[in-house]
Protein backbone atom coordinates (compact mmCIF):
# COMPACT_ATOMS: atom_id res chain seq x y z
CA UNK A 1 0.00 0.00 0.00
CA UNK A 2 1.42 3.39 -0.91
CA UNK A 3 2.10 6.08 1.68
CA UNK A 4 -0.71 8.39 0.56
CA UNK A 5 -3.30 5.64 1.13
CA UNK A 6 -1.74 4.75 4.47
CA UNK A 7 -2.00 8.40 5.55
CA UNK A 8 -5.58 8.61 4.26
CA UNK A 9 -6.73 5.67 6.37
CA UNK A 10 -4.75 6.87 9.41
CA UNK A 11 -6.55 10.21 9.04
CA UNK A 12 -9.83 8.27 9.25
CA UNK A 13 -8.59 6.57 12.43
CA UNK A 14 -7.69 10.00 13.82
CA UNK A 15 -11.26 11.18 13.18
CA UNK A 16 -12.47 8.23 15.25
CA UNK A 17 -9.96 9.11 17.98
CA UNK A 18 -11.39 12.65 18.06
CA UNK A 19 -14.87 11.16 18.46
CA UNK A 20 -13.59 9.24 21.47
CA UNK A 21 -12.00 12.38 22.89
CA UNK A 22 -15.32 14.23 22.67
CA UNK A 23 -17.05 11.38 24.54
CA UNK A 24 -14.42 11.48 27.29
CA UNK A 25 -12.94 8.18 26.17
CA UNK A 26 -9.20 7.64 25.72
CA UNK A 27 -8.75 8.93 22.14
CA UNK A 28 -7.84 5.83 20.19
CA UNK A 29 -9.41 5.28 16.79
CA UNK A 30 -9.35 2.29 14.47
CA UNK A 31 -10.29 1.60 10.85
CA UNK A 32 -10.29 -1.74 9.02
CA UNK A 33 -10.00 -1.70 5.24
CA UNK A 34 -10.51 -4.50 2.71
CA UNK A 35 -7.86 -5.37 0.14
CA UNK A 36 -9.96 -3.38 -2.34
CA UNK A 37 -9.81 -0.23 -0.20
CA UNK A 38 -13.35 -0.45 1.19
CA UNK A 39 -13.70 0.72 4.79
CA UNK A 40 -15.25 -2.22 6.65
CA UNK A 41 -15.24 -0.77 10.17
CA UNK A 42 -14.52 2.55 11.86
CA UNK A 43 -14.50 2.56 15.67
CA UNK A 44 -13.05 4.14 18.78
CA UNK A 45 -12.37 3.14 22.38
CA UNK A 46 -15.49 2.64 24.49
CA UNK A 47 -14.00 1.26 27.72
CA UNK A 48 -15.22 4.06 29.97
CA UNK A 49 -18.78 4.35 28.68
CA UNK A 50 -19.41 0.61 28.46
CA UNK A 51 -17.45 -0.32 31.62
CA UNK A 52 -15.85 -3.04 29.50
CA UNK A 53 -12.09 -3.61 29.70
CA UNK A 54 -12.24 -5.33 26.31
CA UNK A 55 -13.93 -2.43 24.47
CA UNK A 56 -10.71 -1.36 22.78
CA UNK A 57 -11.05 0.28 19.37
CA UNK A 58 -9.32 -2.63 17.64
CA UNK A 59 -11.53 -5.33 19.18
CA UNK A 60 -14.66 -3.36 18.33
CA UNK A 61 -13.44 -2.87 14.75
CA UNK A 62 -12.64 -6.56 14.34
CA UNK A 63 -16.15 -7.45 15.52
CA UNK A 64 -17.77 -4.89 13.21
CA UNK A 65 -15.73 -5.96 10.17
CA UNK A 66 -16.54 -9.61 10.82
CA UNK A 67 -20.25 -8.80 11.03
CA UNK A 68 -20.04 -6.82 7.81
CA UNK A 69 -18.22 -9.63 5.98
CA UNK A 70 -20.32 -12.33 7.68
CA UNK A 71 -17.15 -14.14 8.69
CA UNK A 72 -14.40 -13.88 11.26
CA UNK A 73 -11.44 -14.22 8.88
CA UNK A 74 -10.16 -10.79 7.88
CA UNK A 75 -7.53 -12.12 5.49
CA UNK A 76 -5.93 -9.43 3.32
CA UNK A 77 -7.57 -6.68 5.42
CA UNK A 78 -5.54 -3.84 6.89
CA UNK A 79 -6.10 -2.43 10.36
CA UNK A 80 -5.17 1.19 11.10
CA UNK A 81 -5.05 2.32 14.73
CA UNK A 82 -3.76 5.51 16.32
CA UNK A 83 -1.87 3.76 19.16
CA UNK A 84 0.32 0.67 19.19
CA UNK A 85 -1.93 -2.27 20.10
CA UNK A 86 -1.80 -3.89 23.52
CA UNK A 87 -1.16 -7.66 23.82
CA UNK A 88 -4.92 -8.40 23.88
CA UNK A 89 -5.55 -6.48 20.67
CA UNK A 90 -2.52 -7.90 18.88
CA UNK A 91 -3.76 -11.38 19.80
CA UNK A 92 -7.24 -10.54 18.51
CA UNK A 93 -5.69 -9.46 15.20
CA UNK A 94 -3.87 -12.77 15.03
CA UNK A 95 -7.10 -14.66 15.69
CA UNK A 96 -8.93 -12.60 13.04
CA UNK A 97 -6.17 -13.29 10.49
CA UNK A 98 -5.55 -9.58 9.82
CA UNK A 99 -3.24 -9.07 6.85
CA UNK A 100 -1.56 -5.79 7.81
CA UNK A 101 -1.34 -3.58 10.87
CA UNK A 102 -0.55 0.13 10.64
CA UNK A 103 -0.33 2.11 13.87
CA UNK A 104 0.45 5.67 14.89
CA UNK A 105 2.01 6.35 18.29
CA UNK A 106 4.24 3.86 20.04
CA UNK A 107 3.21 2.81 23.56
CA UNK A 108 6.30 1.91 25.57
CA UNK A 109 4.27 0.96 28.69
CA UNK A 110 1.38 -0.95 27.14
CA UNK A 111 2.15 -1.68 23.49
CA UNK A 112 2.66 -5.35 22.72
CA UNK A 113 5.54 -4.76 20.31
CA UNK A 114 7.32 -2.26 22.56
CA UNK A 115 7.05 -4.79 25.38
CA UNK A 116 8.49 -7.56 23.18
CA UNK A 117 5.29 -9.50 22.45
CA UNK A 118 5.50 -9.75 18.68
CA UNK A 119 2.88 -12.45 18.16
CA UNK A 120 2.44 -11.30 14.58
CA UNK A 121 5.88 -12.63 13.61
CA UNK A 122 5.92 -15.80 15.72
CA UNK A 123 6.15 -18.63 13.20
CA UNK A 124 5.02 -21.14 15.84
CA UNK A 125 1.54 -19.67 15.47
CA UNK A 126 -0.71 -20.41 12.50
CA UNK A 127 -0.79 -16.85 11.13
CA UNK A 128 1.61 -13.96 10.70
CA UNK A 129 1.03 -10.44 9.42
CA UNK A 130 2.90 -7.31 8.44
CA UNK A 131 3.30 -4.34 10.78
CA UNK A 132 4.26 -0.71 10.18
CA UNK A 133 4.39 1.66 13.15
CA UNK A 134 4.97 5.35 13.70
CA UNK A 135 2.50 6.55 11.05
CA UNK A 136 1.57 10.15 11.82
CA UNK A 137 3.16 9.50 15.21
CA UNK A 138 3.19 13.16 16.24
CA UNK A 139 -0.52 13.73 15.56
CA UNK A 140 -1.53 10.51 17.28
CA UNK A 141 0.66 10.98 20.35
CA UNK A 142 -0.26 14.67 20.71
CA UNK A 143 -3.96 13.82 20.85
CA UNK A 144 -3.36 11.24 23.58
CA UNK A 145 -1.06 13.58 25.51
CA UNK A 146 -3.59 16.41 25.38
CA UNK A 147 -6.35 14.12 26.60
CA UNK A 148 -4.34 13.13 29.67
CA UNK A 149 -3.10 16.71 30.19
CA UNK A 150 -6.73 17.85 30.24
CA UNK A 151 -7.48 15.21 32.89
CA UNK A 152 -4.65 16.69 35.00
CA UNK A 153 -5.79 20.32 34.40
CA UNK A 154 -2.66 21.11 32.40
CA UNK A 155 -2.58 23.28 29.27
CA UNK A 156 -2.69 21.43 25.92
CA UNK A 157 0.39 20.95 23.77
CA UNK A 158 0.44 22.79 20.44
C-alpha atoms as a PDB file:
ATOM      1  CA  UNK A   1       0.000   0.000   0.000  1.00  0.00           C
ATOM      2  CA  UNK A   2       1.422   3.391  -0.907  1.00  0.00           C
ATOM      3  CA  UNK A   3       2.102   6.080   1.683  1.00  0.00           C
ATOM      4  CA  UNK A   4      -0.707   8.393   0.558  1.00  0.00           C
ATOM      5  CA  UNK A   5      -3.300   5.644   1.130  1.00  0.00           C
ATOM      6  CA  UNK A   6      -1.739   4.749   4.470  1.00  0.00           C
ATOM      7  CA  UNK A   7      -1.999   8.398   5.545  1.00  0.00           C
ATOM      8  CA  UNK A   8      -5.580   8.607   4.256  1.00  0.00           C
ATOM      9  CA  UNK A   9      -6.728   5.670   6.374  1.00  0.00           C
ATOM     10  CA  UNK A  10      -4.748   6.868   9.408  1.00  0.00           C
ATOM     11  CA  UNK A  11      -6.552  10.210   9.037  1.00  0.00           C
ATOM     12  CA  UNK A  12      -9.831   8.266   9.250  1.00  0.00           C
ATOM     13  CA  UNK A  13      -8.591   6.566  12.431  1.00  0.00           C
ATOM     14  CA  UNK A  14      -7.686  10.001  13.822  1.00  0.00           C
ATOM     15  CA  UNK A  15     -11.261  11.183  13.181  1.00  0.00           C
ATOM     16  CA  UNK A  16     -12.465   8.228  15.246  1.00  0.00           C
ATOM     17  CA  UNK A  17      -9.958   9.108  17.979  1.00  0.00           C
ATOM     18  CA  UNK A  18     -11.393  12.655  18.058  1.00  0.00           C
ATOM     19  CA  UNK A  19     -14.870  11.156  18.458  1.00  0.00           C
ATOM     20  CA  UNK A  20     -13.589   9.237  21.472  1.00  0.00           C
ATOM     21  CA  UNK A  21     -11.999  12.384  22.889  1.00  0.00           C
ATOM     22  CA  UNK A  22     -15.322  14.232  22.673  1.00  0.00           C
ATOM     23  CA  UNK A  23     -17.048  11.380  24.536  1.00  0.00           C
ATOM     24  CA  UNK A  24     -14.422  11.476  27.292  1.00  0.00           C
ATOM     25  CA  UNK A  25     -12.942   8.177  26.171  1.00  0.00           C
ATOM     26  CA  UNK A  26      -9.198   7.641  25.718  1.00  0.00           C
ATOM     27  CA  UNK A  27      -8.752   8.926  22.143  1.00  0.00           C
ATOM     28  CA  UNK A  28      -7.839   5.833  20.187  1.00  0.00           C
ATOM     29  CA  UNK A  29      -9.410   5.284  16.786  1.00  0.00           C
ATOM     30  CA  UNK A  30      -9.347   2.295  14.466  1.00  0.00           C
ATOM     31  CA  UNK A  31     -10.288   1.597  10.849  1.00  0.00           C
ATOM     32  CA  UNK A  32     -10.288  -1.740   9.023  1.00  0.00           C
ATOM     33  CA  UNK A  33      -9.998  -1.695   5.237  1.00  0.00           C
ATOM     34  CA  UNK A  34     -10.510  -4.505   2.712  1.00  0.00           C
ATOM     35  CA  UNK A  35      -7.859  -5.372   0.144  1.00  0.00           C
ATOM     36  CA  UNK A  36      -9.958  -3.379  -2.343  1.00  0.00           C
ATOM     37  CA  UNK A  37      -9.810  -0.226  -0.198  1.00  0.00           C
ATOM     38  CA  UNK A  38     -13.348  -0.446   1.192  1.00  0.00           C
ATOM     39  CA  UNK A  39     -13.696   0.718   4.793  1.00  0.00           C
ATOM     40  CA  UNK A  40     -15.254  -2.216   6.652  1.00  0.00           C
ATOM     41  CA  UNK A  41     -15.237  -0.765  10.167  1.00  0.00           C
ATOM     42  CA  UNK A  42     -14.525   2.545  11.863  1.00  0.00           C
ATOM     43  CA  UNK A  43     -14.505   2.561  15.668  1.00  0.00           C
ATOM     44  CA  UNK A  44     -13.046   4.138  18.781  1.00  0.00           C
ATOM     45  CA  UNK A  45     -12.366   3.142  22.376  1.00  0.00           C
ATOM     46  CA  UNK A  46     -15.486   2.639  24.493  1.00  0.00           C
ATOM     47  CA  UNK A  47     -14.002   1.258  27.716  1.00  0.00           C
ATOM     48  CA  UNK A  48     -15.222   4.064  29.970  1.00  0.00           C
ATOM     49  CA  UNK A  49     -18.783   4.348  28.675  1.00  0.00           C
ATOM     50  CA  UNK A  50     -19.407   0.610  28.465  1.00  0.00           C
ATOM     51  CA  UNK A  51     -17.447  -0.318  31.617  1.00  0.00           C
ATOM     52  CA  UNK A  52     -15.846  -3.042  29.503  1.00  0.00           C
ATOM     53  CA  UNK A  53     -12.087  -3.609  29.704  1.00  0.00           C
ATOM     54  CA  UNK A  54     -12.236  -5.333  26.308  1.00  0.00           C
ATOM     55  CA  UNK A  55     -13.930  -2.432  24.471  1.00  0.00           C
ATOM     56  CA  UNK A  56     -10.708  -1.360  22.778  1.00  0.00           C
ATOM     57  CA  UNK A  57     -11.045   0.284  19.369  1.00  0.00           C
ATOM     58  CA  UNK A  58      -9.317  -2.634  17.641  1.00  0.00           C
ATOM     59  CA  UNK A  59     -11.528  -5.325  19.181  1.00  0.00           C
ATOM     60  CA  UNK A  60     -14.664  -3.357  18.327  1.00  0.00           C
ATOM     61  CA  UNK A  61     -13.442  -2.869  14.747  1.00  0.00           C
ATOM     62  CA  UNK A  62     -12.636  -6.561  14.335  1.00  0.00           C
ATOM     63  CA  UNK A  63     -16.146  -7.451  15.524  1.00  0.00           C
ATOM     64  CA  UNK A  64     -17.766  -4.886  13.212  1.00  0.00           C
ATOM     65  CA  UNK A  65     -15.727  -5.958  10.172  1.00  0.00           C
ATOM     66  CA  UNK A  66     -16.540  -9.613  10.824  1.00  0.00           C
ATOM     67  CA  UNK A  67     -20.247  -8.801  11.033  1.00  0.00           C
ATOM     68  CA  UNK A  68     -20.044  -6.817   7.808  1.00  0.00           C
ATOM     69  CA  UNK A  69     -18.222  -9.632   5.982  1.00  0.00           C
ATOM     70  CA  UNK A  70     -20.318 -12.328   7.685  1.00  0.00           C
ATOM     71  CA  UNK A  71     -17.148 -14.139   8.688  1.00  0.00           C
ATOM     72  CA  UNK A  72     -14.396 -13.880  11.258  1.00  0.00           C
ATOM     73  CA  UNK A  73     -11.444 -14.218   8.881  1.00  0.00           C
ATOM     74  CA  UNK A  74     -10.156 -10.788   7.881  1.00  0.00           C
ATOM     75  CA  UNK A  75      -7.526 -12.121   5.493  1.00  0.00           C
ATOM     76  CA  UNK A  76      -5.927  -9.429   3.325  1.00  0.00           C
ATOM     77  CA  UNK A  77      -7.566  -6.681   5.422  1.00  0.00           C
ATOM     78  CA  UNK A  78      -5.538  -3.840   6.895  1.00  0.00           C
ATOM     79  CA  UNK A  79      -6.104  -2.433  10.364  1.00  0.00           C
ATOM     80  CA  UNK A  80      -5.171   1.194  11.098  1.00  0.00           C
ATOM     81  CA  UNK A  81      -5.055   2.324  14.728  1.00  0.00           C
ATOM     82  CA  UNK A  82      -3.759   5.505  16.322  1.00  0.00           C
ATOM     83  CA  UNK A  83      -1.870   3.764  19.161  1.00  0.00           C
ATOM     84  CA  UNK A  84       0.324   0.674  19.192  1.00  0.00           C
ATOM     85  CA  UNK A  85      -1.930  -2.274  20.098  1.00  0.00           C
ATOM     86  CA  UNK A  86      -1.799  -3.891  23.523  1.00  0.00           C
ATOM     87  CA  UNK A  87      -1.158  -7.657  23.817  1.00  0.00           C
ATOM     88  CA  UNK A  88      -4.917  -8.402  23.885  1.00  0.00           C
ATOM     89  CA  UNK A  89      -5.549  -6.476  20.672  1.00  0.00           C
ATOM     90  CA  UNK A  90      -2.520  -7.895  18.880  1.00  0.00           C
ATOM     91  CA  UNK A  91      -3.755 -11.382  19.802  1.00  0.00           C
ATOM     92  CA  UNK A  92      -7.237 -10.538  18.513  1.00  0.00           C
ATOM     93  CA  UNK A  93      -5.690  -9.462  15.199  1.00  0.00           C
ATOM     94  CA  UNK A  94      -3.867 -12.770  15.032  1.00  0.00           C
ATOM     95  CA  UNK A  95      -7.103 -14.656  15.685  1.00  0.00           C
ATOM     96  CA  UNK A  96      -8.934 -12.596  13.041  1.00  0.00           C
ATOM     97  CA  UNK A  97      -6.169 -13.290  10.491  1.00  0.00           C
ATOM     98  CA  UNK A  98      -5.545  -9.584   9.820  1.00  0.00           C
ATOM     99  CA  UNK A  99      -3.238  -9.066   6.845  1.00  0.00           C
ATOM    100  CA  UNK A 100      -1.561  -5.785   7.813  1.00  0.00           C
ATOM    101  CA  UNK A 101      -1.340  -3.578  10.873  1.00  0.00           C
ATOM    102  CA  UNK A 102      -0.549   0.127  10.637  1.00  0.00           C
ATOM    103  CA  UNK A 103      -0.333   2.111  13.869  1.00  0.00           C
ATOM    104  CA  UNK A 104       0.451   5.666  14.893  1.00  0.00           C
ATOM    105  CA  UNK A 105       2.010   6.354  18.288  1.00  0.00           C
ATOM    106  CA  UNK A 106       4.235   3.855  20.039  1.00  0.00           C
ATOM    107  CA  UNK A 107       3.212   2.808  23.558  1.00  0.00           C
ATOM    108  CA  UNK A 108       6.298   1.907  25.572  1.00  0.00           C
ATOM    109  CA  UNK A 109       4.270   0.963  28.686  1.00  0.00           C
ATOM    110  CA  UNK A 110       1.385  -0.953  27.140  1.00  0.00           C
ATOM    111  CA  UNK A 111       2.149  -1.682  23.488  1.00  0.00           C
ATOM    112  CA  UNK A 112       2.655  -5.350  22.716  1.00  0.00           C
ATOM    113  CA  UNK A 113       5.541  -4.760  20.310  1.00  0.00           C
ATOM    114  CA  UNK A 114       7.324  -2.261  22.557  1.00  0.00           C
ATOM    115  CA  UNK A 115       7.052  -4.794  25.384  1.00  0.00           C
ATOM    116  CA  UNK A 116       8.489  -7.557  23.180  1.00  0.00           C
ATOM    117  CA  UNK A 117       5.288  -9.496  22.453  1.00  0.00           C
ATOM    118  CA  UNK A 118       5.503  -9.751  18.678  1.00  0.00           C
ATOM    119  CA  UNK A 119       2.876 -12.445  18.164  1.00  0.00           C
ATOM    120  CA  UNK A 120       2.438 -11.302  14.575  1.00  0.00           C
ATOM    121  CA  UNK A 121       5.876 -12.628  13.606  1.00  0.00           C
ATOM    122  CA  UNK A 122       5.921 -15.800  15.724  1.00  0.00           C
ATOM    123  CA  UNK A 123       6.147 -18.629  13.198  1.00  0.00           C
ATOM    124  CA  UNK A 124       5.020 -21.138  15.838  1.00  0.00           C
ATOM    125  CA  UNK A 125       1.538 -19.666  15.472  1.00  0.00           C
ATOM    126  CA  UNK A 126      -0.705 -20.411  12.502  1.00  0.00           C
ATOM    127  CA  UNK A 127      -0.790 -16.851  11.125  1.00  0.00           C
ATOM    128  CA  UNK A 128       1.610 -13.963  10.702  1.00  0.00           C
ATOM    129  CA  UNK A 129       1.032 -10.445   9.418  1.00  0.00           C
ATOM    130  CA  UNK A 130       2.896  -7.309   8.440  1.00  0.00           C
ATOM    131  CA  UNK A 131       3.300  -4.336  10.778  1.00  0.00           C
ATOM    132  CA  UNK A 132       4.257  -0.714  10.181  1.00  0.00           C
ATOM    133  CA  UNK A 133       4.388   1.664  13.146  1.00  0.00           C
ATOM    134  CA  UNK A 134       4.968   5.349  13.701  1.00  0.00           C
ATOM    135  CA  UNK A 135       2.499   6.546  11.054  1.00  0.00           C
ATOM    136  CA  UNK A 136       1.574  10.150  11.825  1.00  0.00           C
ATOM    137  CA  UNK A 137       3.157   9.499  15.208  1.00  0.00           C
ATOM    138  CA  UNK A 138       3.190  13.156  16.239  1.00  0.00           C
ATOM    139  CA  UNK A 139      -0.523  13.730  15.562  1.00  0.00           C
ATOM    140  CA  UNK A 140      -1.530  10.506  17.283  1.00  0.00           C
ATOM    141  CA  UNK A 141       0.662  10.978  20.348  1.00  0.00           C
ATOM    142  CA  UNK A 142      -0.255  14.667  20.712  1.00  0.00           C
ATOM    143  CA  UNK A 143      -3.965  13.820  20.852  1.00  0.00           C
ATOM    144  CA  UNK A 144      -3.356  11.238  23.579  1.00  0.00           C
ATOM    145  CA  UNK A 145      -1.063  13.577  25.506  1.00  0.00           C
ATOM    146  CA  UNK A 146      -3.587  16.405  25.384  1.00  0.00           C
ATOM    147  CA  UNK A 147      -6.355  14.119  26.603  1.00  0.00           C
ATOM    148  CA  UNK A 148      -4.338  13.134  29.667  1.00  0.00           C
ATOM    149  CA  UNK A 149      -3.097  16.714  30.186  1.00  0.00           C
ATOM    150  CA  UNK A 150      -6.731  17.853  30.236  1.00  0.00           C
ATOM    151  CA  UNK A 151      -7.479  15.215  32.890  1.00  0.00           C
ATOM    152  CA  UNK A 152      -4.654  16.694  35.001  1.00  0.00           C
ATOM    153  CA  UNK A 153      -5.785  20.315  34.403  1.00  0.00           C
ATOM    154  CA  UNK A 154      -2.658  21.110  32.396  1.00  0.00           C
ATOM    155  CA  UNK A 155      -2.584  23.275  29.271  1.00  0.00           C
ATOM    156  CA  UNK A 156      -2.688  21.428  25.923  1.00  0.00           C
ATOM    157  CA  UNK A 157       0.388  20.952  23.766  1.00  0.00           C
ATOM    158  CA  UNK A 158       0.441  22.788  20.442  1.00  0.00           C
END
